[in-house]
Each structure stands twice: as structure tokens, then as C-alpha cells.
């Protein structure tokens, strides 16, 4: 989650892509809508498109498939409404089909019908309990506002929120995970 549109580190994002090779995508806040670009299976192509949006609030996702087919349709972010997109890190048991990932099912079947509640604290607390602390959800609105469910299960670094340490080189990642 890059709420201020800060410049991200190429090497760190490349490392995140290498460790999560099943597709990537990003969403940026444009003021009146959220632009979603996903289905990237080439880091160079993803990066070339993403850097054109620097300075805008954004969310990025690098997928490691645990359910559903590997393909553009299961890549994140998912557009909840024209003004709201979301990404997920974790595994939601019992929330997938052979074709649709757990996140895609959650976005379409649970979150889209309740889009007006995403930024409501009671709804957020209820969803955090429902999905458990190992699952993190991040939402981006067209105006740049973000909401992170289970925020404490990730970490902030340099004004950017990360759901895990996979952007660090493998040696550093293991040391952070054990700390």
C-alpha cells in the first residue's frame, strides 16, 4: 500500500515479483475513479506501466497462487466498485472454486455487495475477526483513502505498508521472519 505515491525501489519490487510468480497488478487513485491494471507476468512490463503512475496513491500485489487458476482473472487488485479496489494476502479456507481464487470469491461474493461498508469501523472489525489475523486486505478509494484490514499483521516502512517481507532478498527475508 503506497498511500502517498512514493517512489518504490525497483530491486525490492523485482524481488517481490520473483517470489510471487503467478501474476501481478496495481491500482491507482485518479480522483474520480480507480484505475486497475493486472495480469502482468513480466516484471519489466509491470514496472514500465506502474512508474507512469508514480506520485499517485496506489496498491500493488504480487500473486502466489494457492487456489484458482493462474491467469489474469485471478490476479489482484479486484475492482469492488468503479471507485474502490482491493488486494489480499493470505489464504481464505473454503472460499474458492476450481477456477476462482479465494480472493476473487471474497471480492465478488462478500465485499462487492457491502462496498458501502468497507470503510466502516464495525464492518472492518467484523471482517478482521472473520478472516483471521493471517489474512490482510487493503482497499484503495478513488480519492486516495486507504483502509487496511489486519494492518498489524504487516508493517510500515518508509511510508509504505507491506503485508510481508517478500520484497527483501531471501537472506534478509528469513532474518526478518525469524525476528
N, C-alpha and C. Protein backbone atom coordinates (compact mmCIF):
# COMPACT_ATOMS: atom_id res chain seq x y z
N UNK A 1 0.87 -1.17 0.00
CA UNK A 1 0.00 0.00 0.00
C UNK A 1 0.91 1.22 0.00
N UNK A 2 0.75 2.04 -1.03
CA UNK A 2 1.58 3.23 -1.20
C UNK A 2 0.64 4.45 -1.19
N UNK A 3 0.18 4.87 0.00
CA UNK A 3 -0.84 5.92 0.07
C UNK A 3 -0.39 7.29 -0.40
N UNK A 4 0.89 7.55 -0.40
CA UNK A 4 1.39 8.87 -0.80
C UNK A 4 2.00 8.88 -2.19
N UNK A 5 1.97 7.75 -2.87
CA UNK A 5 2.54 7.70 -4.21
C UNK A 5 4.04 7.85 -4.22
N UNK A 6 4.70 7.36 -3.17
CA UNK A 6 6.16 7.46 -3.09
C UNK A 6 6.82 6.60 -4.16
N UNK A 7 8.05 6.94 -4.49
CA UNK A 7 8.82 6.14 -5.44
C UNK A 7 9.22 4.85 -4.75
N UNK A 8 8.90 3.72 -5.37
CA UNK A 8 9.25 2.42 -4.81
C UNK A 8 10.58 1.96 -5.37
N UNK A 9 11.23 1.08 -4.63
CA UNK A 9 12.53 0.57 -5.03
C UNK A 9 12.37 -0.55 -6.07
N UNK A 10 13.01 -0.36 -7.21
CA UNK A 10 12.93 -1.33 -8.31
C UNK A 10 13.37 -2.72 -7.87
N UNK A 11 14.52 -2.82 -7.21
CA UNK A 11 15.04 -4.13 -6.80
C UNK A 11 14.11 -4.84 -5.82
N UNK A 12 13.54 -4.08 -4.88
CA UNK A 12 12.62 -4.69 -3.91
C UNK A 12 11.36 -5.20 -4.59
N UNK A 13 10.82 -4.42 -5.50
CA UNK A 13 9.61 -4.85 -6.20
C UNK A 13 9.91 -6.02 -7.13
N UNK A 14 11.09 -6.03 -7.73
CA UNK A 14 11.50 -7.15 -8.56
C UNK A 14 11.61 -8.42 -7.74
N UNK A 15 12.15 -8.30 -6.54
CA UNK A 15 12.26 -9.45 -5.63
C UNK A 15 10.88 -9.96 -5.24
N UNK A 16 9.95 -9.06 -4.96
CA UNK A 16 8.58 -9.47 -4.62
C UNK A 16 7.95 -10.21 -5.79
N UNK A 17 8.19 -9.75 -7.00
CA UNK A 17 7.66 -10.41 -8.19
C UNK A 17 8.26 -11.81 -8.35
N UNK A 18 9.59 -11.93 -8.15
CA UNK A 18 10.26 -13.24 -8.28
C UNK A 18 9.70 -14.25 -7.28
N UNK A 19 9.41 -13.81 -6.08
CA UNK A 19 8.91 -14.72 -5.05
C UNK A 19 7.42 -15.04 -5.16
N UNK A 20 6.73 -14.31 -6.01
CA UNK A 20 5.29 -14.49 -6.20
C UNK A 20 5.02 -14.48 -7.71
N UNK A 21 5.30 -15.59 -8.39
CA UNK A 21 5.38 -15.60 -9.85
C UNK A 21 4.07 -15.83 -10.60
N UNK A 22 2.94 -15.75 -9.91
CA UNK A 22 1.68 -16.13 -10.56
C UNK A 22 0.83 -14.95 -11.00
N UNK A 23 1.48 -13.84 -11.28
CA UNK A 23 0.76 -12.67 -11.79
C UNK A 23 0.80 -11.51 -10.83
N UNK A 24 0.70 -10.32 -11.36
CA UNK A 24 0.78 -9.11 -10.54
C UNK A 24 -0.16 -8.06 -11.11
N UNK A 25 -0.33 -7.02 -10.28
CA UNK A 25 -1.16 -5.91 -10.73
C UNK A 25 -1.09 -4.75 -9.77
N UNK A 26 -1.71 -3.65 -10.17
CA UNK A 26 -1.74 -2.47 -9.31
C UNK A 26 -3.01 -1.68 -9.58
N UNK A 27 -3.35 -0.84 -8.62
CA UNK A 27 -4.45 0.11 -8.76
C UNK A 27 -3.95 1.46 -8.31
N UNK A 28 -4.42 2.51 -8.96
CA UNK A 28 -4.05 3.88 -8.59
C UNK A 28 -5.31 4.72 -8.47
N UNK A 29 -5.27 5.66 -7.52
CA UNK A 29 -6.37 6.57 -7.29
C UNK A 29 -6.28 7.74 -8.26
N UNK A 30 -7.34 7.95 -9.03
CA UNK A 30 -7.35 9.02 -10.03
C UNK A 30 -8.27 10.18 -9.64
N UNK A 31 -8.82 10.15 -8.45
CA UNK A 31 -9.71 11.22 -8.00
C UNK A 31 -11.17 10.89 -8.21
N UNK A 32 -11.55 10.59 -9.45
CA UNK A 32 -12.94 10.25 -9.73
C UNK A 32 -13.14 8.75 -9.97
N UNK A 33 -12.05 8.01 -10.06
CA UNK A 33 -12.12 6.56 -10.27
C UNK A 33 -10.81 5.92 -9.82
N UNK A 34 -10.83 4.60 -9.81
CA UNK A 34 -9.63 3.82 -9.51
C UNK A 34 -9.25 3.07 -10.79
N UNK A 35 -8.03 3.27 -11.23
CA UNK A 35 -7.51 2.55 -12.40
C UNK A 35 -6.91 1.24 -11.92
N UNK A 36 -7.34 0.12 -12.48
CA UNK A 36 -6.81 -1.20 -12.14
C UNK A 36 -6.13 -1.77 -13.38
N UNK A 37 -4.89 -2.19 -13.19
CA UNK A 37 -4.13 -2.88 -14.23
C UNK A 37 -3.61 -4.17 -13.61
N UNK A 38 -3.92 -5.31 -14.22
CA UNK A 38 -3.50 -6.59 -13.66
C UNK A 38 -3.29 -7.60 -14.75
N UNK A 39 -2.75 -8.76 -14.35
CA UNK A 39 -2.45 -9.80 -15.32
C UNK A 39 -1.05 -9.69 -15.88
N UNK A 40 -0.15 -9.10 -15.09
CA UNK A 40 1.25 -8.97 -15.51
C UNK A 40 2.01 -10.24 -15.15
N UNK A 41 2.66 -10.82 -16.15
CA UNK A 41 3.51 -11.98 -15.92
C UNK A 41 4.95 -11.67 -16.30
N UNK A 42 5.20 -10.39 -16.55
CA UNK A 42 6.54 -9.88 -16.82
C UNK A 42 6.77 -8.69 -15.90
N UNK A 43 7.83 -8.76 -15.09
CA UNK A 43 8.08 -7.66 -14.18
C UNK A 43 8.41 -6.38 -14.94
N UNK A 44 9.18 -6.47 -16.00
CA UNK A 44 9.55 -5.26 -16.76
C UNK A 44 8.32 -4.53 -17.28
N UNK A 45 7.35 -5.28 -17.76
CA UNK A 45 6.12 -4.67 -18.27
C UNK A 45 5.32 -4.03 -17.13
N UNK A 46 5.21 -4.74 -16.03
CA UNK A 46 4.52 -4.19 -14.85
C UNK A 46 5.18 -2.89 -14.42
N UNK A 47 6.49 -2.91 -14.27
CA UNK A 47 7.22 -1.75 -13.77
C UNK A 47 7.09 -0.57 -14.73
N UNK A 48 7.19 -0.83 -16.02
CA UNK A 48 7.08 0.24 -17.01
C UNK A 48 5.72 0.94 -16.91
N UNK A 49 4.68 0.18 -16.68
CA UNK A 49 3.34 0.77 -16.54
C UNK A 49 3.17 1.45 -15.19
N UNK A 50 3.66 0.80 -14.14
CA UNK A 50 3.48 1.35 -12.79
C UNK A 50 4.20 2.69 -12.61
N UNK A 51 5.42 2.82 -13.07
CA UNK A 51 6.17 4.06 -12.83
C UNK A 51 5.53 5.26 -13.52
N UNK A 52 4.71 5.03 -14.50
CA UNK A 52 3.97 6.13 -15.13
C UNK A 52 2.94 6.74 -14.18
N UNK A 53 2.64 6.01 -13.11
CA UNK A 53 1.62 6.45 -12.13
C UNK A 53 2.25 6.93 -10.83
N UNK A 54 3.58 7.02 -10.77
CA UNK A 54 4.22 7.49 -9.54
C UNK A 54 3.67 8.84 -9.13
N UNK A 55 3.56 9.02 -7.83
CA UNK A 55 3.00 10.25 -7.30
C UNK A 55 1.53 10.10 -6.93
N UNK A 56 0.92 9.00 -7.37
CA UNK A 56 -0.48 8.74 -7.06
C UNK A 56 -0.57 7.65 -5.99
N UNK A 57 -1.56 7.77 -5.13
CA UNK A 57 -1.81 6.71 -4.14
C UNK A 57 -2.08 5.41 -4.90
N UNK A 58 -1.50 4.32 -4.41
CA UNK A 58 -1.63 3.05 -5.14
C UNK A 58 -1.57 1.85 -4.21
N UNK A 59 -2.00 0.73 -4.75
CA UNK A 59 -1.80 -0.57 -4.12
C UNK A 59 -1.21 -1.49 -5.18
N UNK A 60 -0.27 -2.33 -4.78
CA UNK A 60 0.36 -3.30 -5.68
C UNK A 60 0.19 -4.68 -5.09
N UNK A 61 0.13 -5.66 -5.97
CA UNK A 61 0.01 -7.03 -5.50
C UNK A 61 0.80 -7.97 -6.39
N UNK A 62 1.51 -8.91 -5.76
CA UNK A 62 2.25 -9.94 -6.45
C UNK A 62 1.67 -11.26 -5.97
N UNK A 63 1.12 -12.06 -6.89
CA UNK A 63 0.34 -13.24 -6.50
C UNK A 63 1.18 -14.50 -6.42
N UNK A 64 0.93 -15.23 -5.35
CA UNK A 64 1.40 -16.61 -5.23
C UNK A 64 0.12 -17.44 -5.13
N UNK A 65 -0.20 -18.18 -6.18
CA UNK A 65 -1.48 -18.88 -6.26
C UNK A 65 -1.57 -20.01 -5.25
N UNK A 66 -2.64 -19.99 -4.48
CA UNK A 66 -2.94 -21.07 -3.55
C UNK A 66 -4.27 -21.73 -3.91
N UNK A 67 -5.09 -21.07 -4.71
CA UNK A 67 -6.38 -21.61 -5.16
C UNK A 67 -6.77 -20.89 -6.44
N UNK A 68 -7.55 -21.56 -7.26
CA UNK A 68 -7.97 -20.96 -8.52
C UNK A 68 -6.87 -21.05 -9.56
N UNK A 69 -7.24 -20.87 -10.80
CA UNK A 69 -6.28 -20.98 -11.89
C UNK A 69 -5.31 -19.80 -11.89
N UNK A 70 -4.14 -20.04 -12.46
CA UNK A 70 -3.18 -18.97 -12.66
C UNK A 70 -3.55 -18.29 -13.97
N UNK A 71 -3.93 -17.03 -13.86
CA UNK A 71 -4.34 -16.27 -15.04
C UNK A 71 -4.77 -14.88 -14.62
N UNK A 72 -4.96 -14.02 -15.59
CA UNK A 72 -5.29 -12.62 -15.33
C UNK A 72 -6.52 -12.47 -14.44
N UNK A 73 -7.53 -13.30 -14.65
CA UNK A 73 -8.79 -13.14 -13.91
C UNK A 73 -8.64 -13.31 -12.39
N UNK A 74 -7.62 -14.03 -11.95
CA UNK A 74 -7.40 -14.22 -10.51
C UNK A 74 -6.30 -13.31 -9.96
N UNK A 75 -5.70 -12.50 -10.80
CA UNK A 75 -4.72 -11.53 -10.32
C UNK A 75 -5.42 -10.40 -9.57
N UNK A 76 -4.71 -9.82 -8.66
CA UNK A 76 -5.21 -8.68 -7.91
C UNK A 76 -4.67 -7.41 -8.57
N UNK A 77 -5.23 -6.28 -8.32
CA UNK A 77 -6.37 -5.94 -7.47
C UNK A 77 -7.70 -6.32 -8.12
N UNK A 78 -8.71 -6.37 -7.26
CA UNK A 78 -10.08 -6.59 -7.71
C UNK A 78 -10.83 -5.28 -7.53
N UNK A 79 -11.56 -4.93 -8.55
CA UNK A 79 -12.36 -3.71 -8.50
C UNK A 79 -13.67 -4.05 -7.81
N UNK A 80 -13.93 -3.40 -6.69
CA UNK A 80 -15.17 -3.62 -5.96
C UNK A 80 -16.26 -2.72 -6.55
N UNK A 81 -15.91 -1.47 -6.81
CA UNK A 81 -16.77 -0.51 -7.50
C UNK A 81 -15.85 0.30 -8.42
N UNK A 82 -16.40 1.16 -9.26
CA UNK A 82 -15.51 2.00 -10.08
C UNK A 82 -14.58 2.90 -9.25
N UNK A 83 -14.92 3.10 -7.97
CA UNK A 83 -14.12 3.97 -7.11
C UNK A 83 -13.42 3.23 -5.97
N UNK A 84 -13.37 1.90 -6.03
CA UNK A 84 -12.80 1.12 -4.94
C UNK A 84 -12.18 -0.17 -5.46
N UNK A 85 -10.91 -0.41 -5.06
CA UNK A 85 -10.21 -1.65 -5.43
C UNK A 85 -9.61 -2.27 -4.18
N UNK A 86 -9.33 -3.58 -4.25
CA UNK A 86 -8.76 -4.27 -3.10
C UNK A 86 -7.75 -5.32 -3.51
N UNK A 87 -6.84 -5.61 -2.56
CA UNK A 87 -5.87 -6.69 -2.69
C UNK A 87 -5.91 -7.50 -1.41
N UNK A 88 -5.37 -8.72 -1.44
CA UNK A 88 -5.41 -9.63 -0.29
C UNK A 88 -4.11 -10.41 -0.22
N UNK A 89 -3.67 -10.67 1.00
CA UNK A 89 -2.55 -11.57 1.24
C UNK A 89 -3.00 -12.57 2.29
N UNK A 90 -2.89 -13.84 1.96
CA UNK A 90 -3.27 -14.90 2.88
C UNK A 90 -4.04 -15.98 2.15
N UNK A 91 -4.64 -16.86 2.93
CA UNK A 91 -5.44 -17.95 2.38
C UNK A 91 -6.77 -17.98 3.14
N UNK A 92 -7.85 -17.93 2.40
CA UNK A 92 -9.19 -17.97 2.98
C UNK A 92 -9.77 -19.36 2.73
N UNK A 93 -9.69 -20.26 3.73
CA UNK A 93 -10.15 -21.64 3.54
C UNK A 93 -11.63 -21.69 3.14
N UNK A 94 -11.94 -22.59 2.22
CA UNK A 94 -13.32 -22.80 1.82
C UNK A 94 -13.91 -21.67 1.00
N UNK A 95 -13.05 -20.79 0.50
CA UNK A 95 -13.53 -19.61 -0.23
C UNK A 95 -13.03 -19.60 -1.66
N UNK A 96 -13.01 -20.75 -2.32
CA UNK A 96 -12.54 -20.76 -3.71
C UNK A 96 -13.28 -21.84 -4.49
N UNK A 97 -13.10 -21.80 -5.79
CA UNK A 97 -13.60 -22.85 -6.68
C UNK A 97 -12.41 -23.31 -7.51
N UNK A 98 -12.64 -24.27 -8.37
CA UNK A 98 -11.54 -24.73 -9.22
C UNK A 98 -11.01 -23.59 -10.09
N UNK A 99 -11.88 -22.70 -10.52
CA UNK A 99 -11.46 -21.61 -11.41
C UNK A 99 -11.20 -20.31 -10.67
N UNK A 100 -11.98 -20.01 -9.63
CA UNK A 100 -11.91 -18.70 -8.95
C UNK A 100 -11.11 -18.80 -7.66
N UNK A 101 -10.15 -17.90 -7.50
CA UNK A 101 -9.34 -17.87 -6.28
C UNK A 101 -10.19 -17.45 -5.08
N UNK A 102 -9.66 -17.71 -3.90
CA UNK A 102 -10.34 -17.33 -2.67
C UNK A 102 -10.59 -15.82 -2.63
N UNK A 103 -9.61 -15.04 -3.08
CA UNK A 103 -9.74 -13.59 -3.07
C UNK A 103 -10.80 -13.13 -4.06
N UNK A 104 -10.81 -13.71 -5.22
CA UNK A 104 -11.81 -13.35 -6.23
C UNK A 104 -13.22 -13.64 -5.71
N UNK A 105 -13.40 -14.78 -5.05
CA UNK A 105 -14.70 -15.12 -4.46
C UNK A 105 -15.07 -14.11 -3.37
N UNK A 106 -14.12 -13.79 -2.49
CA UNK A 106 -14.39 -12.82 -1.43
C UNK A 106 -14.78 -11.46 -2.02
N UNK A 107 -14.02 -11.00 -2.99
CA UNK A 107 -14.28 -9.69 -3.59
C UNK A 107 -15.66 -9.64 -4.23
N UNK A 108 -15.98 -10.65 -5.03
CA UNK A 108 -17.24 -10.64 -5.77
C UNK A 108 -18.46 -11.00 -4.93
N UNK A 109 -18.31 -12.00 -4.06
CA UNK A 109 -19.46 -12.54 -3.35
C UNK A 109 -19.74 -11.88 -2.00
N UNK A 110 -18.70 -11.37 -1.34
CA UNK A 110 -18.86 -10.80 0.00
C UNK A 110 -18.67 -9.29 0.02
N UNK A 111 -17.58 -8.82 -0.53
CA UNK A 111 -17.25 -7.40 -0.41
C UNK A 111 -18.05 -6.50 -1.35
N UNK A 112 -18.22 -6.91 -2.59
CA UNK A 112 -18.95 -6.06 -3.54
C UNK A 112 -20.35 -5.71 -3.04
N UNK A 113 -21.13 -6.66 -2.51
CA UNK A 113 -22.46 -6.30 -2.00
C UNK A 113 -22.42 -5.37 -0.78
N UNK A 114 -21.28 -5.28 -0.12
CA UNK A 114 -21.14 -4.44 1.08
C UNK A 114 -20.14 -3.31 0.86
N UNK A 115 -19.96 -2.89 -0.37
CA UNK A 115 -18.95 -1.88 -0.70
C UNK A 115 -19.11 -0.61 0.11
N UNK A 116 -20.33 -0.24 0.42
CA UNK A 116 -20.57 1.00 1.18
C UNK A 116 -20.12 0.89 2.63
N UNK A 117 -19.78 -0.32 3.09
CA UNK A 117 -19.36 -0.52 4.48
C UNK A 117 -17.86 -0.72 4.64
N UNK A 118 -17.11 -0.80 3.55
CA UNK A 118 -15.68 -1.13 3.60
C UNK A 118 -14.91 -0.24 4.57
N UNK A 119 -15.23 1.06 4.63
CA UNK A 119 -14.50 1.99 5.50
C UNK A 119 -15.19 2.19 6.85
N UNK A 120 -16.21 1.39 7.14
CA UNK A 120 -16.91 1.44 8.42
C UNK A 120 -16.13 0.62 9.45
N UNK A 121 -15.85 1.20 10.61
CA UNK A 121 -15.04 0.52 11.63
C UNK A 121 -15.68 -0.77 12.13
N UNK A 122 -17.00 -0.80 12.30
CA UNK A 122 -17.67 -2.02 12.78
C UNK A 122 -17.57 -3.14 11.75
N UNK A 123 -17.78 -2.80 10.49
CA UNK A 123 -17.66 -3.80 9.43
C UNK A 123 -16.22 -4.31 9.36
N UNK A 124 -15.28 -3.38 9.43
CA UNK A 124 -13.87 -3.76 9.38
C UNK A 124 -13.53 -4.72 10.51
N UNK A 125 -13.94 -4.40 11.73
CA UNK A 125 -13.66 -5.28 12.86
C UNK A 125 -14.29 -6.66 12.69
N UNK A 126 -15.51 -6.69 12.19
CA UNK A 126 -16.20 -7.95 11.95
C UNK A 126 -15.46 -8.78 10.90
N UNK A 127 -15.04 -8.13 9.83
CA UNK A 127 -14.31 -8.85 8.78
C UNK A 127 -12.94 -9.33 9.27
N UNK A 128 -12.26 -8.52 10.07
CA UNK A 128 -10.96 -8.94 10.60
C UNK A 128 -11.10 -10.21 11.43
N UNK A 129 -12.14 -10.27 12.24
CA UNK A 129 -12.38 -11.48 13.04
C UNK A 129 -12.73 -12.66 12.13
N UNK A 130 -13.51 -12.40 11.11
CA UNK A 130 -13.96 -13.44 10.20
C UNK A 130 -12.81 -14.04 9.39
N UNK A 131 -11.91 -13.21 8.90
CA UNK A 131 -10.82 -13.72 8.05
C UNK A 131 -9.60 -14.16 8.86
N UNK A 132 -9.47 -13.72 10.12
CA UNK A 132 -8.34 -14.10 10.96
C UNK A 132 -7.11 -13.25 10.67
N UNK A 133 -6.18 -13.18 11.64
CA UNK A 133 -5.02 -12.29 11.54
C UNK A 133 -4.02 -12.65 10.45
N UNK A 134 -4.05 -13.86 9.93
CA UNK A 134 -3.13 -14.25 8.86
C UNK A 134 -3.53 -13.72 7.50
N UNK A 135 -4.71 -13.16 7.41
CA UNK A 135 -5.19 -12.59 6.15
C UNK A 135 -5.22 -11.08 6.26
N UNK A 136 -4.68 -10.43 5.25
CA UNK A 136 -4.66 -8.97 5.21
C UNK A 136 -5.37 -8.51 3.95
N UNK A 137 -6.22 -7.48 4.10
CA UNK A 137 -6.92 -6.89 2.97
C UNK A 137 -6.55 -5.42 2.93
N UNK A 138 -6.32 -4.89 1.75
CA UNK A 138 -6.05 -3.46 1.59
C UNK A 138 -6.97 -2.91 0.52
N UNK A 139 -7.57 -1.77 0.83
CA UNK A 139 -8.53 -1.13 -0.06
C UNK A 139 -8.02 0.26 -0.44
N UNK A 140 -8.27 0.65 -1.67
CA UNK A 140 -7.91 1.97 -2.17
C UNK A 140 -9.14 2.59 -2.81
N UNK A 141 -9.48 3.81 -2.36
CA UNK A 141 -10.58 4.57 -2.95
C UNK A 141 -10.04 5.54 -3.98
N UNK A 142 -10.93 6.02 -4.83
CA UNK A 142 -10.57 6.95 -5.89
C UNK A 142 -9.92 8.22 -5.35
N UNK A 143 -10.31 8.65 -4.15
CA UNK A 143 -9.74 9.87 -3.55
C UNK A 143 -8.40 9.63 -2.87
N UNK A 144 -7.90 8.39 -2.91
CA UNK A 144 -6.60 8.05 -2.33
C UNK A 144 -6.68 7.52 -0.91
N UNK A 145 -7.87 7.52 -0.31
CA UNK A 145 -8.00 6.98 1.04
C UNK A 145 -7.79 5.47 1.00
N UNK A 146 -7.10 4.95 2.02
CA UNK A 146 -6.86 3.52 2.12
C UNK A 146 -7.40 2.99 3.43
N UNK A 147 -7.73 1.72 3.43
CA UNK A 147 -8.09 1.01 4.65
C UNK A 147 -7.40 -0.34 4.58
N UNK A 148 -6.76 -0.72 5.67
CA UNK A 148 -6.04 -1.99 5.73
C UNK A 148 -6.63 -2.83 6.85
N UNK A 149 -7.16 -3.98 6.51
CA UNK A 149 -7.71 -4.90 7.49
C UNK A 149 -6.55 -5.78 7.98
N UNK A 150 -6.44 -5.93 9.30
CA UNK A 150 -5.34 -6.65 9.95
C UNK A 150 -4.00 -5.97 9.65
N UNK A 151 -4.02 -4.66 9.72
CA UNK A 151 -2.84 -3.85 9.45
C UNK A 151 -1.64 -4.27 10.30
N UNK A 152 -1.89 -4.64 11.56
CA UNK A 152 -0.81 -5.04 12.47
C UNK A 152 -0.12 -6.33 12.07
N UNK A 153 -0.70 -7.08 11.14
CA UNK A 153 -0.06 -8.32 10.67
C UNK A 153 0.94 -8.05 9.55
N UNK A 154 1.02 -6.79 9.13
CA UNK A 154 2.02 -6.36 8.16
C UNK A 154 2.91 -5.32 8.82
N UNK A 155 3.58 -4.49 8.04
CA UNK A 155 4.46 -3.48 8.63
C UNK A 155 4.60 -2.27 7.69
N UNK A 156 4.86 -1.13 8.30
CA UNK A 156 5.12 0.10 7.56
C UNK A 156 6.62 0.30 7.45
N UNK A 157 7.07 0.75 6.29
CA UNK A 157 8.49 1.05 6.09
C UNK A 157 8.58 2.20 5.09
N UNK A 158 9.10 3.30 5.54
CA UNK A 158 9.31 4.45 4.66
C UNK A 158 8.03 5.00 4.06
N UNK A 159 6.92 4.94 4.79
CA UNK A 159 5.65 5.47 4.31
C UNK A 159 4.84 4.51 3.45
N UNK A 160 5.34 3.27 3.29
CA UNK A 160 4.66 2.25 2.51
C UNK A 160 4.33 1.07 3.42
N UNK A 161 3.13 0.49 3.29
CA UNK A 161 2.74 -0.66 4.10
C UNK A 161 2.93 -1.94 3.28
N UNK A 162 3.59 -2.92 3.90
CA UNK A 162 3.86 -4.21 3.27
C UNK A 162 3.16 -5.31 4.06
N UNK A 163 2.57 -6.26 3.37
CA UNK A 163 1.86 -7.34 4.04
C UNK A 163 2.81 -8.43 4.52
N UNK A 164 4.04 -8.45 4.02
CA UNK A 164 5.05 -9.42 4.45
C UNK A 164 6.43 -8.90 4.04
N UNK A 165 7.43 -9.73 4.14
CA UNK A 165 8.81 -9.31 3.84
C UNK A 165 9.34 -9.88 2.52
N UNK A 166 8.46 -10.33 1.63
CA UNK A 166 8.93 -10.99 0.41
C UNK A 166 9.65 -10.04 -0.55
N UNK A 167 9.62 -8.75 -0.30
CA UNK A 167 10.32 -7.78 -1.16
C UNK A 167 11.80 -7.69 -0.82
N UNK A 168 12.20 -8.28 0.29
CA UNK A 168 13.61 -8.27 0.69
C UNK A 168 14.32 -9.47 0.08
N UNK A 169 15.62 -9.35 -0.16
CA UNK A 169 16.37 -10.53 -0.64
C UNK A 169 16.16 -11.70 0.31
N UNK A 170 16.19 -12.89 -0.20
CA UNK A 170 15.85 -14.10 0.57
C UNK A 170 16.54 -14.17 1.94
N UNK A 171 17.81 -13.84 2.03
CA UNK A 171 18.53 -13.91 3.30
C UNK A 171 17.92 -12.92 4.30
N UNK A 172 17.68 -11.70 3.86
CA UNK A 172 17.09 -10.69 4.73
C UNK A 172 15.67 -11.06 5.12
N UNK A 173 14.92 -11.64 4.17
CA UNK A 173 13.54 -12.03 4.41
C UNK A 173 13.48 -13.06 5.53
N UNK A 174 14.34 -14.07 5.47
CA UNK A 174 14.34 -15.09 6.51
C UNK A 174 14.70 -14.50 7.87
N UNK A 175 15.65 -13.60 7.92
CA UNK A 175 16.04 -12.97 9.18
C UNK A 175 14.88 -12.15 9.75
N UNK A 176 14.18 -11.41 8.91
CA UNK A 176 13.03 -10.61 9.37
C UNK A 176 11.91 -11.51 9.87
N UNK A 177 11.66 -12.59 9.17
CA UNK A 177 10.59 -13.52 9.55
C UNK A 177 10.87 -14.18 10.89
N UNK A 178 12.15 -14.41 11.19
CA UNK A 178 12.51 -15.05 12.44
C UNK A 178 12.60 -14.06 13.61
N UNK A 179 12.69 -12.77 13.30
CA UNK A 179 12.82 -11.75 14.36
C UNK A 179 11.55 -11.58 15.17
